[in-house]
Amino acid sequence: MTAEALEGLDEEAPAEEVAQRLDGKVFPAVLAFLKAMTVQAGVREP
């Protein structure tokens, strides 16, 4: 089920889109971590 929900996303997909595709079944701490990692990697601005 998870693989199908995430199909078509790439490494630049926003954390919010990932959470939406997973019907919000992602811990808020994980979303904060993903946001911090993408900013640190320079993928997108905060």
PDB file of N, CA and C in Angstrom:
ATOM      1  N   MET A   1       0.817  -1.187   0.000  1.00  0.00           N
ATOM      2  CA  MET A   1       0.000   0.000   0.000  1.00  0.00           C
ATOM      3  C   MET A   1       0.867   1.259   0.000  1.00  0.00           C
ATOM      4  N   THR A   2       1.906   1.295   0.814  1.00  0.00           N
ATOM      5  CA  THR A   2       2.760   2.477   0.888  1.00  0.00           C
ATOM      6  C   THR A   2       3.458   2.736  -0.435  1.00  0.00           C
ATOM      7  N   ALA A   3       3.972   1.697  -1.056  1.00  0.00           N
ATOM      8  CA  ALA A   3       4.684   1.868  -2.320  1.00  0.00           C
ATOM      9  C   ALA A   3       3.776   2.462  -3.389  1.00  0.00           C
ATOM     10  N   GLU A   4       2.541   2.004  -3.448  1.00  0.00           N
ATOM     11  CA  GLU A   4       1.610   2.533  -4.439  1.00  0.00           C
ATOM     12  C   GLU A   4       1.301   4.002  -4.168  1.00  0.00           C
ATOM     13  N   ALA A   5       1.164   4.373  -2.906  1.00  0.00           N
ATOM     14  CA  ALA A   5       0.846   5.761  -2.548  1.00  0.00           C
ATOM     15  C   ALA A   5       1.980   6.705  -2.912  1.00  0.00           C
ATOM     16  N   LEU A   6       3.199   6.217  -2.853  1.00  0.00           N
ATOM     17  CA  LEU A   6       4.358   7.071  -3.103  1.00  0.00           C
ATOM     18  C   LEU A   6       4.862   7.000  -4.540  1.00  0.00           C
ATOM     19  N   GLU A   7       4.235   6.188  -5.359  1.00  0.00           N
ATOM     20  CA  GLU A   7       4.662   6.044  -6.746  1.00  0.00           C
ATOM     21  C   GLU A   7       4.624   7.384  -7.470  1.00  0.00           C
ATOM     22  N   GLY A   8       5.680   7.687  -8.181  1.00  0.00           N
ATOM     23  CA  GLY A   8       5.746   8.915  -8.957  1.00  0.00           C
ATOM     24  C   GLY A   8       6.419  10.066  -8.233  1.00  0.00           C
ATOM     25  N   LEU A   9       6.684   9.922  -6.941  1.00  0.00           N
ATOM     26  CA  LEU A   9       7.381  10.975  -6.202  1.00  0.00           C
ATOM     27  C   LEU A   9       8.884  10.835  -6.419  1.00  0.00           C
ATOM     28  N   ASP A  10       9.573  11.949  -6.362  1.00  0.00           N
ATOM     29  CA  ASP A  10      11.026  11.897  -6.425  1.00  0.00           C
ATOM     30  C   ASP A  10      11.597  12.495  -5.150  1.00  0.00           C
ATOM     31  N   GLU A  11      12.918  12.589  -5.081  1.00  0.00           N
ATOM     32  CA  GLU A  11      13.554  13.078  -3.857  1.00  0.00           C
ATOM     33  C   GLU A  11      13.280  14.549  -3.572  1.00  0.00           C
ATOM     34  N   GLU A  12      12.731  15.282  -4.526  1.00  0.00           N
ATOM     35  CA  GLU A  12      12.432  16.696  -4.317  1.00  0.00           C
ATOM     36  C   GLU A  12      10.977  16.943  -3.922  1.00  0.00           C
ATOM     37  N   ALA A  13      10.219  15.893  -3.739  1.00  0.00           N
ATOM     38  CA  ALA A  13       8.816  16.048  -3.348  1.00  0.00           C
ATOM     39  C   ALA A  13       8.736  16.621  -1.936  1.00  0.00           C
ATOM     40  N   PRO A  14       7.858  17.591  -1.730  1.00  0.00           N
ATOM     41  CA  PRO A  14       7.715  18.171  -0.393  1.00  0.00           C
ATOM     42  C   PRO A  14       7.184  17.152   0.616  1.00  0.00           C
ATOM     43  N   ALA A  15       7.608  17.300   1.850  1.00  0.00           N
ATOM     44  CA  ALA A  15       7.163  16.394   2.912  1.00  0.00           C
ATOM     45  C   ALA A  15       5.646  16.411   3.048  1.00  0.00           C
ATOM     46  N   GLU A  16       5.033  17.576   2.818  1.00  0.00           N
ATOM     47  CA  GLU A  16       3.577  17.675   2.934  1.00  0.00           C
ATOM     48  C   GLU A  16       2.876  16.790   1.908  1.00  0.00           C
ATOM     49  N   GLU A  17       3.436  16.713   0.704  1.00  0.00           N
ATOM     50  CA  GLU A  17       2.826  15.868  -0.330  1.00  0.00           C
ATOM     51  C   GLU A  17       2.939  14.395   0.040  1.00  0.00           C
ATOM     52  N   VAL A  18       4.074  14.022   0.597  1.00  0.00           N
ATOM     53  CA  VAL A  18       4.254  12.640   1.045  1.00  0.00           C
ATOM     54  C   VAL A  18       3.218  12.307   2.114  1.00  0.00           C
ATOM     55  N   ALA A  19       3.050  13.190   3.088  1.00  0.00           N
ATOM     56  CA  ALA A  19       2.078  12.961   4.159  1.00  0.00           C
ATOM     57  C   ALA A  19       0.661  12.870   3.608  1.00  0.00           C
ATOM     58  N   GLN A  20       0.346  13.725   2.636  1.00  0.00           N
ATOM     59  CA  GLN A  20      -0.992  13.706   2.043  1.00  0.00           C
ATOM     60  C   GLN A  20      -1.240  12.376   1.345  1.00  0.00           C
ATOM     61  N   ARG A  21      -0.257  11.896   0.625  1.00  0.00           N
ATOM     62  CA  ARG A  21      -0.435  10.625  -0.082  1.00  0.00           C
ATOM     63  C   ARG A  21      -0.560   9.451   0.877  1.00  0.00           C
ATOM     64  N   LEU A  22       0.014   9.605   2.064  1.00  0.00           N
ATOM     65  CA  LEU A  22      -0.087   8.547   3.072  1.00  0.00           C
ATOM     66  C   LEU A  22      -1.267   8.787   4.008  1.00  0.00           C
ATOM     67  N   ASP A  23      -2.204   9.628   3.595  1.00  0.00           N
ATOM     68  CA  ASP A  23      -3.406   9.941   4.375  1.00  0.00           C
ATOM     69  C   ASP A  23      -3.064  10.470   5.760  1.00  0.00           C
ATOM     70  N   GLY A  24      -1.984  11.232   5.863  1.00  0.00           N
ATOM     71  CA  GLY A  24      -1.611  11.843   7.132  1.00  0.00           C
ATOM     72  C   GLY A  24      -1.062  10.884   8.161  1.00  0.00           C
ATOM     73  N   LYS A  25      -0.763   9.663   7.769  1.00  0.00           N
ATOM     74  CA  LYS A  25      -0.273   8.662   8.721  1.00  0.00           C
ATOM     75  C   LYS A  25       1.243   8.760   8.889  1.00  0.00           C
ATOM     76  N   VAL A  26       1.706   9.975   9.114  1.00  0.00           N
ATOM     77  CA  VAL A  26       3.126  10.230   9.325  1.00  0.00           C
ATOM     78  C   VAL A  26       3.232  11.067  10.592  1.00  0.00           C
ATOM     79  N   PHE A  27       4.102  10.678  11.491  1.00  0.00           N
ATOM     80  CA  PHE A  27       4.276  11.439  12.728  1.00  0.00           C
ATOM     81  C   PHE A  27       4.778  12.840  12.421  1.00  0.00           C
ATOM     82  N   PRO A  28       4.270  13.860  13.112  1.00  0.00           N
ATOM     83  CA  PRO A  28       4.727  15.240  12.905  1.00  0.00           C
ATOM     84  C   PRO A  28       6.238  15.388  13.059  1.00  0.00           C
ATOM     85  N   ALA A  29       6.841  14.619  13.956  1.00  0.00           N
ATOM     86  CA  ALA A  29       8.293  14.699  14.140  1.00  0.00           C
ATOM     87  C   ALA A  29       9.030  14.236  12.883  1.00  0.00           C
ATOM     88  N   VAL A  30       8.484  13.250  12.207  1.00  0.00           N
ATOM     89  CA  VAL A  30       9.102  12.772  10.967  1.00  0.00           C
ATOM     90  C   VAL A  30       9.015  13.849   9.897  1.00  0.00           C
ATOM     91  N   LEU A  31       7.886  14.541   9.801  1.00  0.00           N
ATOM     92  CA  LEU A  31       7.742  15.627   8.832  1.00  0.00           C
ATOM     93  C   LEU A  31       8.741  16.743   9.119  1.00  0.00           C
ATOM     94  N   ALA A  32       8.898  17.102  10.385  1.00  0.00           N
ATOM     95  CA  ALA A  32       9.858  18.145  10.750  1.00  0.00           C
ATOM     96  C   ALA A  32      11.272  17.718  10.386  1.00  0.00           C
ATOM     97  N   PHE A  33      11.586  16.459  10.621  1.00  0.00           N
ATOM     98  CA  PHE A  33      12.904  15.932  10.268  1.00  0.00           C
ATOM     99  C   PHE A  33      13.132  15.991   8.760  1.00  0.00           C
ATOM    100  N   LEU A  34      12.140  15.580   7.985  1.00  0.00           N
ATOM    101  CA  LEU A  34      12.269  15.606   6.529  1.00  0.00           C
ATOM    102  C   LEU A  34      12.448  17.026   6.012  1.00  0.00           C
ATOM    103  N   LYS A  35      11.698  17.962   6.576  1.00  0.00           N
ATOM    104  CA  LYS A  35      11.840  19.361   6.170  1.00  0.00           C
ATOM    105  C   LYS A  35      13.244  19.861   6.463  1.00  0.00           C
ATOM    106  N   ALA A  36      13.747  19.557   7.647  1.00  0.00           N
ATOM    107  CA  ALA A  36      15.091  19.998   8.024  1.00  0.00           C
ATOM    108  C   ALA A  36      16.144  19.387   7.111  1.00  0.00           C
ATOM    109  N   MET A  37      15.985  18.132   6.766  1.00  0.00           N
ATOM    110  CA  MET A  37      16.958  17.468   5.892  1.00  0.00           C
ATOM    111  C   MET A  37      16.947  18.067   4.491  1.00  0.00           C
ATOM    112  N   THR A  38      15.772  18.391   3.961  1.00  0.00           N
ATOM    113  CA  THR A  38      15.728  18.956   2.615  1.00  0.00           C
ATOM    114  C   THR A  38      16.316  20.356   2.596  1.00  0.00           C
ATOM    115  N   VAL A  39      16.089  21.126   3.651  1.00  0.00           N
ATOM    116  CA  VAL A  39      16.679  22.466   3.724  1.00  0.00           C
ATOM    117  C   VAL A  39      18.187  22.352   3.849  1.00  0.00           C
ATOM    118  N   GLN A  40      18.655  21.452   4.703  1.00  0.00           N
ATOM    119  CA  GLN A  40      20.090  21.259   4.899  1.00  0.00           C
ATOM    120  C   GLN A  40      20.759  20.812   3.602  1.00  0.00           C
ATOM    121  N   ALA A  41      20.081  19.990   2.835  1.00  0.00           N
ATOM    122  CA  ALA A  41      20.641  19.496   1.578  1.00  0.00           C
ATOM    123  C   ALA A  41      20.547  20.530   0.464  1.00  0.00           C
ATOM    124  N   GLY A  42      19.844  21.627   0.729  1.00  0.00           N
ATOM    125  CA  GLY A  42      19.708  22.668  -0.281  1.00  0.00           C
ATOM    126  C   GLY A  42      18.698  22.348  -1.357  1.00  0.00           C
ATOM    127  N   VAL A  43      17.794  21.421  -1.078  1.00  0.00           N
ATOM    128  CA  VAL A  43      16.792  21.027  -2.060  1.00  0.00           C
ATOM    129  C   VAL A  43      15.748  22.116  -2.234  1.00  0.00           C
ATOM    130  N   ARG A  44      15.362  22.748  -1.134  1.00  0.00           N
ATOM    131  CA  ARG A  44      14.374  23.820  -1.217  1.00  0.00           C
ATOM    132  C   ARG A  44      14.584  24.779  -0.057  1.00  0.00           C
ATOM    133  N   GLU A  45      14.002  25.939  -0.185  1.00  0.00           N
ATOM    134  CA  GLU A  45      14.107  26.955   0.863  1.00  0.00           C
ATOM    135  C   GLU A  45      13.129  26.640   1.981  1.00  0.00           C
ATOM    136  N   PRO A  46      13.409  27.085   3.220  1.00  0.00           N
ATOM    137  CA  PRO A  46      12.504  26.815   4.350  1.00  0.00           C
ATOM    138  C   PRO A  46      11.174  27.521   4.209  1.00  0.00           C
TER     139      PRO A  46
END
